[in-house]
Amino acid sequence: MKNRGLSKAVENLSNSFKPSVNYINIMKKFVETYTASGLFDDSDLTPFTKVIRKQSEYFRNIQKAIQEAQEEAIKDIPLQIKVLDKMYALGWSVGSANELILKIINKPEVFLEMSDEDLDDLLLENFSEKDSLKSEIYGLTNDIPKYAGVIQVMGDTLNENTNNWIIMYPQIFALIDRVISYQSNDFSLENNEYTKWRLINDFYDSLLKKDNANDLFQYIYLKTIEKAIQLWKFQDFSEQNLRLSRNAVQHGRYDPKNYTYKQFAQLVLILSTLTMFNN
């Protein structure tokens, strides 16, 4: 899922077969030319031409399959967008390493029929399995290599005790902060910027200006940045009941008694999704 362009990916796949098709055309020309010259008058070219004919038919079928897959993929995008909207409205992001999420995207009509409550419960049950969430955490080491040691400890900590995830909230926010700072500054940390609501919002606006037609991956990116904008949104610390936000956690204002495993899992998925776009 690291390819940012769905249409581009399909186009590249289709183009990859063109040299083979060109090869077949060249071989046809070869046969036509040398047959006309009489060079092979004493040779039986029937087996040779049969092979070419079969190869030509084979590659035509492949191209047809690719074209049909492309048409089918584009046709499914509206439903995929609907099911993504449903997931993100419930607080869940796609992450990068989970079979259930892939099923939801590939079979959107099935999960669109589920109630919000049932889908939320299904996702929570799925990511309550420690292996599912650990896969997301350990997978971060490839895209944030400088923090590989820290990430390894986080995954191992999730192994040891069912409640140890509570201590990881600040580190998850720190890593989200780092990834957004990196991506919003042309994939570089050589700047004086720090992540704040305005910077994320401006970055989101710049992404909106790109041609995102039929680009499901870019849509996922935008939805995940939207979640970050919500988490970085200002709130007055004098409020009696502070919502979960980056500032409330990092500045020690969010009551740890309000931490939930569900919130933690959703934060991990936001981070995991964002790192897919590091390259």
Protein backbone atom coordinates (compact mmCIF):
# COMPACT_ATOMS: atom_id res chain seq x y z
CA MET A 1 0.00 0.00 0.00
CA LYS A 2 2.96 2.33 -0.12
CA ASN A 3 2.15 3.32 -3.73
CA ARG A 4 0.33 6.65 -3.41
CA GLY A 5 -1.50 6.41 -6.76
CA LEU A 6 -4.05 3.68 -7.41
CA SER A 7 -4.44 4.67 -11.06
CA LYS A 8 -0.67 4.98 -11.49
CA ALA A 9 -0.15 1.51 -10.02
CA VAL A 10 -2.59 -0.07 -12.44
CA GLU A 11 -1.08 1.89 -15.33
CA ASN A 12 2.42 0.71 -14.40
CA LEU A 13 1.20 -2.87 -14.18
CA SER A 14 -0.35 -2.62 -17.62
CA ASN A 15 2.76 -1.01 -19.08
CA SER A 16 4.91 -3.81 -17.74
CA PHE A 17 3.37 -6.14 -20.33
CA LYS A 18 3.96 -3.87 -23.32
CA PRO A 19 7.52 -5.04 -24.04
CA SER A 20 6.22 -8.60 -24.33
CA VAL A 21 3.48 -7.55 -26.72
CA ASN A 22 6.01 -5.57 -28.76
CA TYR A 23 8.21 -8.65 -28.85
CA ILE A 24 5.37 -10.62 -30.40
CA ASN A 25 4.84 -7.94 -33.05
CA ILE A 26 8.56 -7.98 -33.84
CA MET A 27 8.55 -11.73 -34.23
CA LYS A 28 5.55 -11.51 -36.56
CA LYS A 29 7.39 -8.99 -38.71
CA PHE A 30 10.43 -11.26 -38.65
CA VAL A 31 8.42 -14.19 -40.01
CA GLU A 32 6.70 -12.04 -42.64
CA THR A 33 10.01 -10.55 -43.85
CA TYR A 34 11.99 -13.76 -44.08
CA THR A 35 9.11 -15.74 -45.52
CA ALA A 36 8.89 -13.18 -48.34
CA SER A 37 12.64 -13.43 -48.91
CA GLY A 38 12.46 -17.17 -49.43
CA LEU A 39 15.14 -17.84 -46.82
CA PHE A 40 12.96 -20.40 -45.05
CA ASP A 41 11.41 -21.97 -48.14
CA ASP A 42 12.69 -25.38 -47.18
CA SER A 43 11.66 -25.05 -43.53
CA ASP A 44 8.39 -25.83 -41.87
CA LEU A 45 7.44 -22.69 -39.90
CA THR A 46 4.11 -24.04 -38.69
CA PRO A 47 5.29 -24.90 -35.15
CA PHE A 48 7.03 -21.53 -34.90
CA THR A 49 3.96 -19.57 -35.97
CA LYS A 50 1.73 -21.63 -33.67
CA VAL A 51 3.89 -20.68 -30.69
CA ILE A 52 3.71 -17.01 -31.62
CA ARG A 53 -0.05 -17.23 -32.07
CA LYS A 54 -0.46 -18.85 -28.64
CA GLN A 55 1.82 -16.30 -27.00
CA SER A 56 -0.09 -13.47 -28.64
CA GLU A 57 -3.40 -14.86 -27.42
CA TYR A 58 -1.95 -15.37 -23.93
CA PHE A 59 -0.80 -11.77 -23.61
CA ARG A 60 -4.02 -10.41 -25.07
CA ASN A 61 -5.88 -12.27 -22.33
CA ILE A 62 -3.56 -10.82 -19.70
CA GLN A 63 -4.12 -7.30 -21.01
CA LYS A 64 -7.86 -7.88 -21.03
CA ALA A 65 -7.73 -9.09 -17.43
CA ILE A 66 -5.73 -6.01 -16.40
CA GLN A 67 -8.18 -3.71 -18.14
CA GLU A 68 -11.13 -5.42 -16.47
CA ALA A 69 -9.39 -5.24 -13.07
CA GLN A 70 -8.73 -1.54 -13.57
CA GLU A 71 -12.36 -0.87 -14.51
CA GLU A 72 -13.53 -2.96 -11.56
CA ALA A 73 -11.16 -1.16 -9.15
CA ILE A 74 -12.35 2.27 -10.24
CA LYS A 75 -15.96 1.13 -10.01
CA ASP A 76 -15.43 0.00 -6.40
CA ILE A 77 -13.82 3.25 -5.25
CA PRO A 78 -17.09 5.03 -4.27
CA LEU A 79 -18.04 2.13 -1.99
CA GLN A 80 -14.50 1.92 -0.62
CA ILE A 81 -14.61 5.61 0.21
CA LYS A 82 -17.93 5.14 2.00
CA VAL A 83 -16.61 2.31 4.15
CA LEU A 84 -13.43 4.29 4.91
CA ASP A 85 -15.56 7.25 5.98
CA LYS A 86 -17.51 4.89 8.23
CA MET A 87 -14.32 3.54 9.82
CA TYR A 88 -12.69 6.93 10.30
CA ALA A 89 -15.88 8.39 11.80
CA LEU A 90 -15.62 5.66 14.44
CA GLY A 91 -12.00 6.68 15.14
CA TRP A 92 -10.25 3.87 13.27
CA SER A 93 -7.54 4.24 10.62
CA VAL A 94 -6.41 1.61 8.13
CA GLY A 95 -2.96 0.90 9.55
CA SER A 96 -0.62 -1.11 7.37
CA ALA A 97 -0.58 -4.75 8.37
CA ASN A 98 -4.04 -6.13 9.14
CA GLU A 99 -6.12 -8.66 7.23
CA LEU A 100 -9.47 -7.42 8.56
CA ILE A 101 -8.83 -3.90 7.23
CA LEU A 102 -7.94 -5.35 3.83
CA LYS A 103 -11.20 -7.31 3.82
CA ILE A 104 -13.14 -4.17 4.71
CA ILE A 105 -11.57 -2.27 1.80
CA ASN A 106 -11.85 -5.14 -0.69
CA LYS A 107 -15.43 -6.06 0.26
CA PRO A 108 -16.91 -2.69 1.25
CA GLU A 109 -20.52 -3.66 0.52
CA VAL A 110 -20.41 -6.35 3.24
CA PHE A 111 -19.20 -3.99 5.98
CA LEU A 112 -21.38 -1.07 4.90
CA GLU A 113 -24.37 -3.24 5.82
CA MET A 114 -23.11 -3.51 9.42
CA SER A 115 -24.26 -1.01 12.02
CA ASP A 116 -21.71 1.46 13.33
CA GLU A 117 -21.78 -0.27 16.69
CA ASP A 118 -21.16 -3.74 15.22
CA LEU A 119 -18.31 -2.50 13.03
CA ASP A 120 -16.74 -0.67 15.96
CA ASP A 121 -16.99 -3.80 18.11
CA LEU A 122 -15.50 -5.94 15.34
CA LEU A 123 -12.50 -3.62 14.95
CA LEU A 124 -11.94 -3.37 18.69
CA GLU A 125 -12.13 -7.15 19.06
CA ASN A 126 -9.65 -7.55 16.20
CA PHE A 127 -7.10 -5.14 17.63
CA SER A 128 -7.59 -6.39 21.17
CA GLU A 129 -5.59 -9.38 20.00
CA LYS A 130 -2.10 -8.28 20.92
CA ASP A 131 -0.54 -9.87 17.85
CA SER A 132 -2.63 -7.62 15.58
CA LEU A 133 -1.47 -4.43 17.27
CA LYS A 134 2.10 -5.64 17.72
CA SER A 135 2.33 -6.19 13.95
CA GLU A 136 1.44 -2.53 13.47
CA ILE A 137 3.97 -1.41 16.09
CA TYR A 138 6.89 -3.58 14.95
CA GLY A 139 6.19 -2.58 11.36
CA LEU A 140 7.06 1.02 12.25
CA THR A 141 10.76 0.17 12.51
CA ASN A 142 11.12 0.17 8.71
CA ASP A 143 9.72 3.66 8.28
CA ILE A 144 11.14 5.29 11.42
CA PRO A 145 14.50 3.47 11.61
CA LYS A 146 16.11 5.95 14.03
CA TYR A 147 13.47 4.97 16.58
CA ALA A 148 13.71 1.23 15.91
CA GLY A 149 15.01 0.54 19.43
CA VAL A 150 12.20 2.51 21.07
CA ILE A 151 9.60 0.84 18.84
CA GLN A 152 10.99 -2.61 19.67
CA VAL A 153 10.62 -1.87 23.38
CA MET A 154 7.04 -0.70 22.80
CA GLY A 155 6.13 -3.92 21.04
CA ASP A 156 7.84 -6.04 23.67
CA THR A 157 6.11 -4.09 26.43
CA LEU A 158 2.74 -4.85 24.88
CA ASN A 159 3.72 -8.50 25.19
CA GLU A 160 4.35 -8.47 28.90
CA ASN A 161 1.22 -7.14 30.53
CA THR A 162 -2.29 -6.37 29.35
CA ASN A 163 -2.21 -2.90 30.93
CA ASN A 164 1.29 -1.73 29.97
CA TRP A 165 -0.10 0.11 26.95
CA ILE A 166 -1.13 2.88 29.37
CA ILE A 167 2.43 4.16 29.65
CA MET A 168 2.86 4.44 25.86
CA TYR A 169 0.45 7.30 25.12
CA PRO A 170 3.13 10.05 25.28
CA GLN A 171 5.54 8.08 23.08
CA ILE A 172 2.87 7.42 20.45
CA PHE A 173 2.08 11.13 20.28
CA ALA A 174 5.80 11.95 20.07
CA LEU A 175 6.19 9.59 17.10
CA ILE A 176 3.11 11.00 15.33
CA ASP A 177 4.58 14.45 15.92
CA ARG A 178 7.87 13.39 14.37
CA VAL A 179 6.28 11.79 11.28
CA ILE A 180 4.06 14.80 10.55
CA SER A 181 6.96 17.21 11.02
CA TYR A 182 9.00 15.15 8.59
CA GLN A 183 6.32 14.79 5.92
CA SER A 184 5.03 18.36 6.07
CA ASN A 185 8.54 19.77 5.59
CA ASP A 186 9.39 18.01 2.32
CA PHE A 187 10.50 14.81 4.05
CA SER A 188 13.19 16.50 6.07
CA LEU A 189 13.76 17.31 9.74
CA GLU A 190 16.34 19.97 8.93
CA ASN A 191 14.08 22.87 9.92
CA ASN A 192 13.00 24.84 12.97
CA GLU A 193 9.35 23.88 12.75
CA TYR A 194 7.48 21.98 15.40
CA THR A 195 4.14 20.30 14.90
CA LYS A 196 1.16 22.47 15.67
CA TRP A 197 -2.44 22.67 14.53
CA ARG A 198 -1.82 25.42 11.95
CA LEU A 199 1.07 23.54 10.34
CA ILE A 200 -0.95 20.32 10.02
CA ASN A 201 -3.95 22.21 8.66
CA ASP A 202 -1.81 24.01 6.06
CA PHE A 203 -0.24 20.69 5.09
CA TYR A 204 -3.71 19.18 4.67
CA ASP A 205 -4.75 22.07 2.43
CA SER A 206 -1.66 21.54 0.26
CA LEU A 207 -2.54 17.86 -0.15
CA LEU A 208 -6.08 18.78 -1.19
CA LYS A 209 -4.70 20.77 -4.12
CA LYS A 210 -3.24 17.65 -5.72
CA ASP A 211 -5.10 15.59 -8.29
CA ASN A 212 -6.59 12.86 -6.08
CA ALA A 213 -9.10 11.51 -8.60
CA ASN A 214 -9.45 7.75 -8.31
CA ASP A 215 -6.56 7.71 -5.81
CA LEU A 216 -7.70 5.64 -2.86
CA PHE A 217 -4.31 5.76 -1.14
CA GLN A 218 -4.21 9.55 -1.20
CA TYR A 219 -7.75 9.58 0.20
CA ILE A 220 -6.57 7.42 3.10
CA TYR A 221 -3.71 9.85 3.67
CA LEU A 222 -6.10 12.81 3.78
CA LYS A 223 -8.45 11.04 6.20
CA THR A 224 -5.56 10.22 8.51
CA ILE A 225 -4.26 13.80 8.46
CA GLU A 226 -7.81 14.88 9.36
CA LYS A 227 -7.56 12.69 12.48
CA ALA A 228 -4.27 14.39 13.38
CA ILE A 229 -5.87 17.81 12.96
CA GLN A 230 -8.56 16.79 15.46
CA LEU A 231 -5.93 15.55 17.93
CA TRP A 232 -3.93 18.78 17.68
CA LYS A 233 -6.96 21.08 17.91
CA PHE A 234 -6.73 23.70 20.65
CA GLN A 235 -8.68 23.31 23.87
CA ASP A 236 -8.68 25.46 26.96
CA PHE A 237 -7.00 23.62 29.84
CA SER A 238 -9.41 25.31 32.26
CA GLU A 239 -12.19 23.05 30.94
CA GLN A 240 -13.36 20.56 33.53
CA ASN A 241 -13.34 17.47 31.31
CA LEU A 242 -10.55 17.58 28.77
CA ARG A 243 -10.89 15.41 25.68
CA LEU A 244 -8.03 13.23 24.49
CA SER A 245 -5.65 15.43 22.53
CA ARG A 246 -1.95 15.70 21.84
CA ASN A 247 -1.53 18.81 23.99
CA ALA A 248 -3.55 17.47 26.92
CA VAL A 249 -1.44 14.29 27.05
CA GLN A 250 1.98 15.83 26.38
CA HIS A 251 1.42 18.67 28.86
CA GLY A 252 0.14 16.40 31.61
CA ARG A 253 -3.45 17.62 31.61
CA TYR A 254 -5.32 14.52 30.46
CA ASP A 255 -6.46 12.33 33.36
CA PRO A 256 -4.75 8.91 32.97
CA LYS A 257 -7.87 7.31 34.44
CA ASN A 258 -9.57 8.19 31.15
CA TYR A 259 -7.06 6.25 29.05
CA THR A 260 -8.65 3.31 27.24
CA TYR A 261 -7.13 0.49 25.23
CA LYS A 262 -9.40 1.43 22.33
CA GLN A 263 -7.94 4.96 22.23
CA PHE A 264 -4.44 3.52 22.35
CA ALA A 265 -5.12 1.08 19.49
CA GLN A 266 -6.58 3.89 17.39
CA LEU A 267 -3.51 6.09 18.01
CA VAL A 268 -1.21 3.25 16.94
CA LEU A 269 -3.20 2.87 13.71
CA ILE A 270 -3.00 6.60 12.98
CA LEU A 271 0.77 6.45 13.39
CA SER A 272 1.06 3.24 11.36
CA THR A 273 -1.01 4.70 8.53
CA LEU A 274 0.99 7.94 8.41
CA THR A 275 4.31 6.11 8.19
CA MET A 276 3.18 4.42 4.98
CA PHE A 277 3.61 7.80 3.30
CA ASN A 278 7.14 8.48 4.56
CA ASN A 279 8.65 7.71 1.14
